[in-house]
Amino acid sequence: PKGGRGGRGGRGGRGEFGGRGPKPWGRKGPPPDDPVWLNANRNSQNTRLVKAVLVAGLYPNLVKVTPATKPGAPPSLTYQTEQNTTERIAIHPSSVNYSCKKYAARWLVYHERVQTTSVFVRDCSTVTPYQLLLFGGKIQVQHAAGTLSLDTFATFKAPAKVGVLLKEIRQRLERVLSDKIQRPEEDLRITGGPLVEAILQLLNTEPATAAPR
């Protein structure tokens, strides 16, 4: 019902943030000191978390960056095709990353892949192993080799216990999100607060230059 107190557009019921709502902010949006708005955006300046969200939305659009052996030469960029073969790829001239000779991390996620004179990516951003392992594809643990891999393309050196821990974190996060979908009125800060803080700590303390195998 439009405008009714019990309807989606009214002021009855619970809003998406778990409180009474939704907030009647109007076209101008919320005031800068609104507590609901501040709480919902408390991590909006955390670049590492934002990149993790990019991984969740863009994976498996992934590029591996291999540094050049010659000084001043550009790195080698490769991606996995739909046929599971590894092919060369380049940054499109229209991308802000086109002139980069060195990247802060060994992986890029991208939004669009195009083919003209070559295969290119446009919108792309560097991402780290934890961002990929926490929000990317299926983790496979190679106990004997001491490595973790995502869908056979991205491989990382790590003890098996790290892979088992990351898989457990992901399973718990999926349960929290599933519970939120089934019970939208539930406050995530209560059910998933410690888990979210653990994920944030992992993301925030990872070396930015963590390298693949």
Protein backbone atom coordinates (compact mmCIF):
# COMPACT_ATOMS: atom_id res chain seq x y z
CA PRO A 1 0.00 0.00 0.00
CA LYS A 2 1.34 3.35 -0.97
CA GLY A 3 1.88 5.56 2.05
CA GLY A 4 0.14 3.14 4.44
CA ARG A 5 1.57 2.74 7.89
CA GLY A 6 2.05 -1.01 7.48
CA GLY A 7 3.22 -0.95 3.86
CA ARG A 8 6.65 -0.90 2.32
CA GLY A 9 6.44 2.84 1.76
CA GLY A 10 5.09 3.74 5.20
CA ARG A 11 6.76 4.35 8.52
CA GLY A 12 5.55 1.19 10.22
CA GLY A 13 7.61 -1.98 10.40
CA ARG A 14 11.37 -2.23 10.32
CA GLY A 15 13.76 -0.64 7.89
CA GLU A 16 16.68 -2.27 6.15
CA PHE A 17 19.06 -1.32 8.98
CA GLY A 18 17.12 -3.20 11.62
CA GLY A 19 15.49 -0.20 13.35
CA ARG A 20 12.12 1.50 12.97
CA GLY A 21 11.97 2.85 9.47
CA PRO A 22 12.57 3.47 6.70
CA LYS A 23 13.92 6.91 7.51
CA PRO A 24 11.97 9.83 5.93
CA TRP A 25 15.11 11.41 4.46
CA GLY A 26 13.58 12.68 1.22
CA ARG A 27 15.47 13.68 -1.90
CA LYS A 28 18.24 15.53 -0.07
CA GLY A 29 19.30 12.37 1.73
CA PRO A 30 20.15 11.98 5.39
CA PRO A 31 21.78 14.68 7.48
CA PRO A 32 25.52 14.09 7.95
CA ASP A 33 25.09 13.35 11.66
CA ASP A 34 22.25 10.82 11.29
CA PRO A 35 23.24 7.82 13.50
CA VAL A 36 21.69 5.19 11.20
CA TRP A 37 23.51 6.61 8.19
CA LEU A 38 26.79 6.89 10.08
CA ASN A 39 26.57 3.30 11.30
CA ALA A 40 25.71 1.93 7.85
CA ASN A 41 28.72 3.72 6.34
CA ARG A 42 31.22 3.33 9.15
CA ASN A 43 33.60 1.39 6.88
CA SER A 44 33.04 3.41 3.71
CA GLN A 45 36.56 4.89 3.84
CA ASN A 46 38.22 1.49 4.23
CA THR A 47 39.75 0.98 0.77
CA ARG A 48 40.73 -2.61 1.52
CA LEU A 49 37.16 -3.51 2.40
CA VAL A 50 35.84 -1.71 -0.69
CA LYS A 51 38.23 -3.76 -2.84
CA ALA A 52 37.05 -6.95 -1.13
CA VAL A 53 33.50 -6.00 -2.12
CA LEU A 54 34.75 -5.51 -5.69
CA VAL A 55 36.09 -9.06 -5.61
CA ALA A 56 32.72 -10.36 -4.41
CA GLY A 57 30.98 -8.60 -7.30
CA LEU A 58 33.50 -9.09 -10.13
CA TYR A 59 35.10 -12.50 -9.53
CA PRO A 60 36.03 -14.55 -11.63
CA ASN A 61 37.10 -11.54 -13.72
CA LEU A 62 40.69 -11.90 -12.57
CA VAL A 63 44.07 -10.98 -14.05
CA LYS A 64 47.44 -12.24 -12.80
CA VAL A 65 50.28 -9.71 -12.78
CA THR A 66 53.78 -11.12 -13.30
CA PRO A 67 56.54 -8.51 -12.82
CA ALA A 68 58.93 -8.00 -15.72
CA THR A 69 62.47 -9.35 -15.46
CA LYS A 70 63.94 -6.31 -17.23
CA PRO A 71 64.01 -2.94 -15.40
CA GLY A 72 61.45 -0.49 -16.74
CA ALA A 73 59.55 -3.10 -18.75
CA PRO A 74 55.79 -3.52 -18.16
CA PRO A 75 54.57 -6.57 -16.25
CA SER A 76 53.02 -9.56 -17.98
CA LEU A 77 49.24 -9.81 -17.60
CA THR A 78 47.34 -13.08 -18.06
CA TYR A 79 43.79 -14.30 -17.48
CA GLN A 80 41.95 -17.61 -17.57
CA THR A 81 39.56 -18.06 -20.48
CA GLU A 82 36.20 -19.78 -20.38
CA GLN A 83 37.99 -22.85 -21.79
CA ASN A 84 40.35 -22.83 -18.76
CA THR A 85 43.38 -21.80 -20.82
CA THR A 86 45.72 -19.00 -19.77
CA GLU A 87 46.08 -16.15 -22.27
CA ARG A 88 47.82 -12.78 -22.42
CA ILE A 89 45.77 -9.63 -21.85
CA ALA A 90 46.48 -5.90 -21.80
CA ILE A 91 45.15 -2.76 -20.13
CA HIS A 92 43.03 -0.68 -22.51
CA PRO A 93 44.45 2.78 -23.39
CA SER A 94 41.29 4.39 -21.95
CA SER A 95 41.99 2.91 -18.50
CA VAL A 96 43.62 4.98 -15.75
CA ASN A 97 45.94 2.01 -15.22
CA TYR A 98 47.16 1.96 -18.83
CA SER A 99 50.53 3.58 -18.12
CA CYS A 100 51.30 1.57 -14.97
CA LYS A 101 54.67 -0.17 -15.01
CA LYS A 102 54.36 -1.56 -11.48
CA TYR A 103 51.36 -2.64 -9.43
CA ALA A 104 50.97 -2.70 -5.66
CA ALA A 105 49.60 -6.26 -5.78
CA ARG A 106 49.86 -9.27 -8.07
CA TRP A 107 46.18 -9.53 -8.98
CA LEU A 108 43.61 -7.34 -10.72
CA VAL A 109 39.85 -7.68 -10.85
CA TYR A 110 38.12 -6.08 -13.81
CA HIS A 111 34.63 -5.15 -14.92
CA GLU A 112 34.79 -5.55 -18.68
CA ARG A 113 36.92 -7.48 -21.16
CA VAL A 114 36.90 -6.40 -24.82
CA GLN A 115 38.66 -7.56 -27.96
CA THR A 116 39.75 -5.21 -30.75
CA THR A 117 43.35 -5.39 -31.97
CA SER A 118 44.01 -7.43 -28.82
CA VAL A 119 42.18 -8.54 -25.67
CA PHE A 120 41.87 -5.66 -23.19
CA VAL A 121 40.43 -4.86 -19.77
CA ARG A 122 39.21 -1.36 -18.93
CA ASP A 123 37.98 -0.82 -15.38
CA CYS A 124 40.38 -2.73 -13.14
CA SER A 125 41.79 -2.57 -9.63
CA THR A 126 44.56 -4.33 -7.73
CA VAL A 127 43.46 -6.82 -5.07
CA THR A 128 45.31 -8.89 -2.49
CA PRO A 129 45.25 -12.62 -1.64
CA TYR A 130 43.03 -12.24 1.45
CA GLN A 131 40.52 -10.19 -0.52
CA LEU A 132 40.41 -12.99 -3.11
CA LEU A 133 40.42 -15.89 -0.65
CA LEU A 134 37.68 -14.38 1.51
CA PHE A 135 35.38 -13.14 -1.27
CA GLY A 136 36.44 -14.93 -4.46
CA GLY A 137 36.00 -18.46 -5.77
CA LYS A 138 36.10 -21.87 -4.15
CA ILE A 139 39.16 -22.45 -1.96
CA GLN A 140 41.09 -25.64 -2.56
CA VAL A 141 43.72 -26.68 -0.01
CA GLN A 142 46.77 -28.63 -1.18
CA HIS A 143 48.03 -30.00 2.14
CA ALA A 144 51.20 -31.66 0.83
CA ALA A 145 52.24 -28.72 -1.37
CA GLY A 146 51.44 -26.09 1.26
CA THR A 147 49.36 -24.01 -1.15
CA LEU A 148 45.83 -22.66 -1.54
CA SER A 149 44.14 -22.15 -4.89
CA LEU A 150 41.01 -20.54 -6.28
CA ASP A 151 39.42 -22.43 -9.17
CA THR A 152 42.87 -23.73 -10.27
CA PHE A 153 44.00 -20.29 -11.59
CA ALA A 154 45.15 -18.33 -8.56
CA THR A 155 47.59 -20.16 -6.26
CA PHE A 156 49.05 -18.91 -2.98
CA LYS A 157 51.67 -20.22 -0.59
CA ALA A 158 50.10 -20.85 2.80
CA PRO A 159 49.92 -23.59 5.44
CA ALA A 160 46.92 -25.88 5.15
CA LYS A 161 45.56 -24.64 8.49
CA VAL A 162 45.24 -21.13 7.01
CA GLY A 163 43.11 -22.48 4.17
CA VAL A 164 40.91 -24.42 6.58
CA LEU A 165 40.45 -21.30 8.72
CA LEU A 166 39.54 -19.13 5.72
CA LYS A 167 37.01 -21.70 4.53
CA GLU A 168 35.42 -21.74 7.98
CA ILE A 169 35.21 -17.92 8.02
CA ARG A 170 33.51 -17.94 4.63
CA GLN A 171 31.01 -20.60 5.71
CA ARG A 172 30.11 -18.59 8.81
CA LEU A 173 29.72 -15.40 6.75
CA GLU A 174 27.41 -17.20 4.33
CA ARG A 175 25.28 -18.38 7.26
CA VAL A 176 25.04 -14.85 8.66
CA LEU A 177 23.98 -13.45 5.28
CA SER A 178 21.49 -16.29 4.79
CA ASP A 179 19.97 -15.57 8.19
CA LYS A 180 19.69 -11.88 7.29
CA ILE A 181 17.83 -12.73 4.08
CA GLN A 182 15.42 -15.02 5.92
CA ARG A 183 15.00 -12.62 8.86
CA PRO A 184 15.63 -9.08 7.56
CA GLU A 185 14.65 -7.53 10.89
CA GLU A 186 17.60 -9.23 12.59
CA ASP A 187 20.44 -6.94 13.68
CA LEU A 188 23.64 -8.12 11.99
CA ARG A 189 25.75 -6.40 14.62
CA ILE A 190 24.54 -8.97 17.13
CA THR A 191 24.72 -12.14 15.02
CA GLY A 192 27.72 -11.31 12.87
CA GLY A 193 29.56 -8.49 14.61
CA PRO A 194 32.56 -10.51 15.87
CA LEU A 195 32.88 -12.28 12.53
CA VAL A 196 32.85 -9.00 10.59
CA GLU A 197 35.48 -7.56 12.93
CA ALA A 198 37.68 -10.63 12.37
CA ILE A 199 37.38 -10.23 8.59
CA LEU A 200 38.21 -6.53 8.84
CA GLN A 201 41.29 -7.31 10.93
CA LEU A 202 42.52 -9.83 8.35
CA LEU A 203 42.01 -7.35 5.52
CA ASN A 204 43.56 -4.42 7.37
CA THR A 205 46.68 -6.24 8.54
CA GLU A 206 47.58 -8.02 5.28
CA PRO A 207 50.70 -6.70 3.54
CA ALA A 208 49.59 -4.82 0.43
CA THR A 209 52.34 -6.45 -1.62
CA ALA A 210 51.45 -10.05 -0.71
CA ALA A 211 52.55 -12.12 -3.68
CA PRO A 212 51.17 -15.22 -5.37
CA ARG A 213 53.07 -18.42 -5.75
